[in-house]
């Protein structure tokens, strides 16, 4: 799809190709605005049971998995590699 040009070298706005190009650009801008408005919220797929004081019940399967993920995250946070990264941020 080659856009036709006028004698002065500008794009001819009367052509069908130009009008289609403008329409696609308009739709893309609208889609981009719509995507920017909706923040992506990651929802938890499992609901871990909680104790009366609000802490995770680590006796359940979900609680054990969550505790393991948190321990892994804590360990990674303290690693030398990540501490060096933080220094250069």
C-alpha atoms as a PDB file:
ATOM      1  CA  UNK A   1       0.000   0.000   0.000  1.00  0.00           C
ATOM      2  CA  UNK A   2       1.815   3.060  -1.245  1.00  0.00           C
ATOM      3  CA  UNK A   3       0.428   6.416  -0.313  1.00  0.00           C
ATOM      4  CA  UNK A   4       0.008   8.751  -3.230  1.00  0.00           C
ATOM      5  CA  UNK A   5       1.713  12.109  -3.037  1.00  0.00           C
ATOM      6  CA  UNK A   6       0.720  15.467  -4.451  1.00  0.00           C
ATOM      7  CA  UNK A   7       2.922  17.505  -6.751  1.00  0.00           C
ATOM      8  CA  UNK A   8       4.413  19.312  -3.756  1.00  0.00           C
ATOM      9  CA  UNK A   9       5.421  15.980  -2.178  1.00  0.00           C
ATOM     10  CA  UNK A  10       2.798  15.870   0.581  1.00  0.00           C
ATOM     11  CA  UNK A  11       0.520  12.875   1.136  1.00  0.00           C
ATOM     12  CA  UNK A  12      -2.713  13.109  -0.851  1.00  0.00           C
ATOM     13  CA  UNK A  13      -5.441  13.152   1.810  1.00  0.00           C
ATOM     14  CA  UNK A  14      -8.214  12.437  -0.686  1.00  0.00           C
ATOM     15  CA  UNK A  15      -7.153   8.847  -1.378  1.00  0.00           C
ATOM     16  CA  UNK A  16      -8.786   5.739   0.035  1.00  0.00           C
ATOM     17  CA  UNK A  17      -5.452   4.452   1.389  1.00  0.00           C
ATOM     18  CA  UNK A  18      -4.839   7.634   3.380  1.00  0.00           C
ATOM     19  CA  UNK A  19      -8.339   7.542   4.876  1.00  0.00           C
ATOM     20  CA  UNK A  20      -7.859   3.880   5.884  1.00  0.00           C
ATOM     21  CA  UNK A  21      -4.507   4.725   7.444  1.00  0.00           C
ATOM     22  CA  UNK A  22      -6.061   7.532   9.478  1.00  0.00           C
ATOM     23  CA  UNK A  23      -8.906   5.266  10.606  1.00  0.00           C
ATOM     24  CA  UNK A  24      -6.498   2.537  11.771  1.00  0.00           C
ATOM     25  CA  UNK A  25      -4.418   5.092  13.662  1.00  0.00           C
ATOM     26  CA  UNK A  26      -7.548   6.429  15.349  1.00  0.00           C
ATOM     27  CA  UNK A  27      -8.597   2.927  16.453  1.00  0.00           C
ATOM     28  CA  UNK A  28      -5.096   2.236  17.747  1.00  0.00           C
ATOM     29  CA  UNK A  29      -5.098   5.437  19.817  1.00  0.00           C
ATOM     30  CA  UNK A  30      -8.493   4.548  21.301  1.00  0.00           C
ATOM     31  CA  UNK A  31      -7.313   1.046  22.170  1.00  0.00           C
ATOM     32  CA  UNK A  32      -4.185   2.467  23.764  1.00  0.00           C
ATOM     33  CA  UNK A  33      -6.251   4.874  25.878  1.00  0.00           C
ATOM     34  CA  UNK A  34      -8.560   2.063  26.936  1.00  0.00           C
ATOM     35  CA  UNK A  35      -5.616  -0.124  27.952  1.00  0.00           C
ATOM     36  CA  UNK A  36      -4.060   2.716  29.936  1.00  0.00           C
ATOM     37  CA  UNK A  37      -7.269   3.306  31.895  1.00  0.00           C
ATOM     38  CA  UNK A  38      -7.608  -0.279  33.111  1.00  0.00           C
ATOM     39  CA  UNK A  39      -4.862  -1.130  35.595  1.00  0.00           C
ATOM     40  CA  UNK A  40      -3.837  -4.764  35.546  1.00  0.00           C
ATOM     41  CA  UNK A  41      -4.698  -6.322  38.885  1.00  0.00           C
ATOM     42  CA  UNK A  42      -3.303  -9.732  39.595  1.00  0.00           C
ATOM     43  CA  UNK A  43      -5.733 -11.671  41.699  1.00  0.00           C
ATOM     44  CA  UNK A  44      -4.756 -14.572  43.863  1.00  0.00           C
ATOM     45  CA  UNK A  45      -6.028 -17.871  42.505  1.00  0.00           C
ATOM     46  CA  UNK A  46      -6.099 -19.570  45.876  1.00  0.00           C
ATOM     47  CA  UNK A  47      -7.504 -18.284  49.104  1.00  0.00           C
ATOM     48  CA  UNK A  48      -5.290 -19.380  51.947  1.00  0.00           C
ATOM     49  CA  UNK A  49      -7.024 -19.864  55.246  1.00  0.00           C
ATOM     50  CA  UNK A  50      -6.218 -17.422  57.985  1.00  0.00           C
ATOM     51  CA  UNK A  51      -6.055 -17.813  61.717  1.00  0.00           C
ATOM     52  CA  UNK A  52      -8.129 -15.763  64.110  1.00  0.00           C
ATOM     53  CA  UNK A  53      -5.329 -13.205  64.450  1.00  0.00           C
ATOM     54  CA  UNK A  54      -5.217 -12.730  60.662  1.00  0.00           C
ATOM     55  CA  UNK A  55      -1.971 -14.584  59.946  1.00  0.00           C
ATOM     56  CA  UNK A  56      -1.756 -17.384  57.365  1.00  0.00           C
ATOM     57  CA  UNK A  57      -2.616 -20.829  58.651  1.00  0.00           C
ATOM     58  CA  UNK A  58       0.526 -22.755  57.732  1.00  0.00           C
ATOM     59  CA  UNK A  59      -1.050 -26.114  58.463  1.00  0.00           C
ATOM     60  CA  UNK A  60      -2.980 -25.998  55.174  1.00  0.00           C
ATOM     61  CA  UNK A  61      -1.517 -26.811  51.765  1.00  0.00           C
ATOM     62  CA  UNK A  62      -2.041 -23.240  50.508  1.00  0.00           C
ATOM     63  CA  UNK A  63      -0.495 -21.826  53.672  1.00  0.00           C
ATOM     64  CA  UNK A  64       2.597 -23.985  53.301  1.00  0.00           C
ATOM     65  CA  UNK A  65       2.991 -22.966  49.646  1.00  0.00           C
ATOM     66  CA  UNK A  66       2.595 -19.279  50.523  1.00  0.00           C
ATOM     67  CA  UNK A  67       5.115 -19.577  53.357  1.00  0.00           C
ATOM     68  CA  UNK A  68       7.600 -21.242  51.018  1.00  0.00           C
ATOM     69  CA  UNK A  69       7.175 -18.446  48.439  1.00  0.00           C
ATOM     70  CA  UNK A  70       7.663 -15.787  51.113  1.00  0.00           C
ATOM     71  CA  UNK A  71      10.787 -17.504  52.457  1.00  0.00           C
ATOM     72  CA  UNK A  72      12.216 -17.733  48.946  1.00  0.00           C
ATOM     73  CA  UNK A  73      11.489 -14.036  48.376  1.00  0.00           C
ATOM     74  CA  UNK A  74      13.137 -13.083  51.676  1.00  0.00           C
ATOM     75  CA  UNK A  75      16.213 -15.122  50.797  1.00  0.00           C
ATOM     76  CA  UNK A  76      16.443 -13.528  47.345  1.00  0.00           C
ATOM     77  CA  UNK A  77      16.058 -10.070  48.853  1.00  0.00           C
ATOM     78  CA  UNK A  78      19.053 -10.660  51.096  1.00  0.00           C
ATOM     79  CA  UNK A  79      21.258 -12.162  48.381  1.00  0.00           C
ATOM     80  CA  UNK A  80      24.490 -10.410  47.463  1.00  0.00           C
ATOM     81  CA  UNK A  81      23.491 -10.160  43.798  1.00  0.00           C
ATOM     82  CA  UNK A  82      20.294  -8.262  44.626  1.00  0.00           C
ATOM     83  CA  UNK A  83      21.991  -6.016  47.169  1.00  0.00           C
ATOM     84  CA  UNK A  84      24.503  -4.980  44.488  1.00  0.00           C
ATOM     85  CA  UNK A  85      21.643  -4.280  42.049  1.00  0.00           C
ATOM     86  CA  UNK A  86      20.026  -1.988  44.624  1.00  0.00           C
ATOM     87  CA  UNK A  87      23.227   0.002  44.965  1.00  0.00           C
ATOM     88  CA  UNK A  88      23.274   0.839  41.252  1.00  0.00           C
ATOM     89  CA  UNK A  89      19.600   1.787  40.910  1.00  0.00           C
END
